Protein backbone atom coordinates (compact mmCIF):
# COMPACT_ATOMS: atom_id res chain seq x y z
CA TYR A 1 105.23 93.96 110.77
CA ASP A 2 107.34 95.97 113.37
CA SER A 3 107.01 99.18 111.72
CA LEU A 4 102.83 98.67 112.08
CA PHE A 5 103.32 97.02 115.67
CA GLY A 6 106.27 98.13 117.38
CA LYS A 7 109.06 95.65 117.93
CA ARG A 8 108.34 92.26 119.18
CA GLN A 9 108.20 91.13 122.61
CA THR A 10 108.16 87.12 121.38
CA ASN A 11 109.19 85.35 118.48
CA CYS A 12 105.82 84.37 118.25
CA VAL A 13 104.96 85.76 115.27
CA THR A 14 105.07 84.21 111.75
CA VAL A 15 103.82 86.72 108.93
CA LEU A 16 102.24 84.92 106.48
CA ASN A 17 101.13 87.65 103.76
CA TYR A 18 100.89 91.29 103.45
CA GLN A 19 100.58 93.89 101.18
CA ASP A 20 101.95 97.27 101.95
CA GLN A 21 100.46 100.93 102.21
CA VAL A 22 103.05 101.90 99.34
CA VAL A 23 101.66 105.32 98.16
CA PRO A 24 99.64 106.93 100.87
CA LYS A 25 96.01 108.40 99.42
CA ILE A 26 96.35 105.63 96.04
CA ASP A 27 97.14 102.35 98.02
CA TYR A 28 93.78 102.24 99.91
CA ALA A 29 95.30 100.32 103.47
CA ILE A 30 97.82 98.58 104.92
CA TRP A 31 96.86 94.44 104.54
CA LEU A 32 98.29 91.53 107.24
CA HIS A 33 97.79 88.25 107.75
CA PHE A 34 99.65 86.94 109.97
CA LYS A 35 100.25 84.02 112.93
CA THR A 36 100.96 84.87 116.80
CA CYS A 37 101.04 83.97 120.33
CA PRO A 38 98.44 85.04 122.64
CA ASP A 39 100.68 87.19 124.12
CA GLU A 40 101.76 89.35 121.70
CA LEU A 41 98.16 90.25 120.41
CA LYS A 42 97.77 91.44 123.67
CA ARG A 43 100.59 93.92 123.31
CA ILE A 44 98.95 94.70 119.73
CA LEU A 45 95.82 95.80 121.40
CA SER A 46 97.04 97.59 124.01
CA LYS A 47 98.23 100.39 122.10
CA HIS A 48 95.24 101.56 121.68
CA LYS A 49 91.63 101.76 122.94
CA PHE A 50 89.39 99.42 120.50
CA ASP A 51 86.00 98.67 120.02
CA ALA A 52 85.80 94.62 120.33
CA VAL A 53 82.82 92.25 119.15
CA LYS A 54 82.76 88.67 118.79
CA LEU A 55 80.85 87.74 115.10
CA SER A 56 80.11 84.05 113.94
CA THR A 57 80.78 83.89 110.35
CA LYS A 58 78.97 80.75 109.58
CA LYS A 59 76.81 83.04 107.31
CA TRP A 60 79.03 85.69 106.80
CA ASN A 61 79.22 86.26 103.32
CA GLU A 62 80.88 89.75 104.03
CA LYS A 63 84.03 90.99 101.88
CA VAL A 64 85.83 92.80 103.56
CA PRO A 65 86.03 97.22 101.85
CA TYR A 66 88.79 97.50 99.02
CA SER A 67 89.70 93.98 99.48
CA GLU A 68 88.85 92.64 95.98
CA ASN A 69 91.63 92.39 94.12
CA ILE A 70 93.78 90.96 97.67
CA LYS A 71 92.77 86.81 96.90
CA TRP A 72 94.27 85.89 100.71
CA PHE A 73 92.47 88.10 102.27
CA SER A 74 89.69 85.75 104.17
CA PRO A 75 89.19 86.50 107.87
CA ASN A 76 86.14 84.96 107.55
CA LYS A 77 88.43 81.66 107.36
CA LEU A 78 89.04 81.98 110.88
CA GLY A 79 87.36 79.77 112.32
CA ASP A 80 82.91 79.71 113.11
CA SER A 81 83.28 82.23 115.36
CA ILE A 82 85.87 85.66 115.62
CA MET A 83 86.87 88.01 117.47
CA VAL A 84 87.02 91.90 115.63
CA TYR A 85 88.57 94.72 116.95
CA GLU A 86 88.67 98.51 115.67
CA TYR A 87 90.04 101.85 116.53
CA SER A 88 89.72 104.33 114.77
CA THR A 89 91.36 108.54 115.77
CA ASN A 90 89.23 111.04 116.80
CA ASP A 91 89.41 112.38 112.88
CA SER A 92 89.64 109.01 111.54
CA ARG A 93 92.34 109.58 109.43
CA ASN A 94 93.64 106.28 111.27
CA ILE A 95 91.75 102.87 111.36
CA GLN A 96 93.32 99.57 112.11
CA THR A 97 90.62 97.14 112.14
CA ILE A 98 92.15 93.11 113.36
CA TRP A 99 90.24 90.31 112.58
CA SER A 100 91.53 87.58 115.24
CA ASN A 101 90.30 83.50 115.36
CA LEU A 102 89.09 82.78 119.87
CA ASP A 103 92.36 81.92 120.17
CA SER A 104 94.71 84.92 119.40
CA THR A 105 97.00 83.06 117.56
CA GLU A 106 96.23 84.04 113.52
CA VAL A 107 95.37 87.62 112.69
CA PHE A 108 94.20 89.67 109.73
CA VAL A 109 94.88 93.09 110.28
CA ARG A 110 93.71 96.03 107.92
CA ASP A 111 94.93 99.60 108.44
CA ILE A 112 93.79 102.73 106.79
CA PHE A 113 95.89 105.95 107.01
CA ASP A 114 95.45 109.21 105.29
């Protein structure tokens, strides 16, 4: 968590699950699921210019690409509506997607670095 987002500013973070990108180019991404507080999520989102969209999950059968083998990675379980934030470098070598519940207390992250 700290290597991805920098030193935490609060003690409200609890990492629930993760899978690291052990071998770049072979391991697709860093996958992370954690509980947090709104101020910590705000700090994370301040690091880049994210595009944000609010989505309904009521009829969302979408599976996050390449997450098929990661059984615990289920952003659709964050509630009926969620926020999705996405950042990409100009060359798309780093793409970070953050799915959050509406009160900013539970988060899933996929960080692709090529």
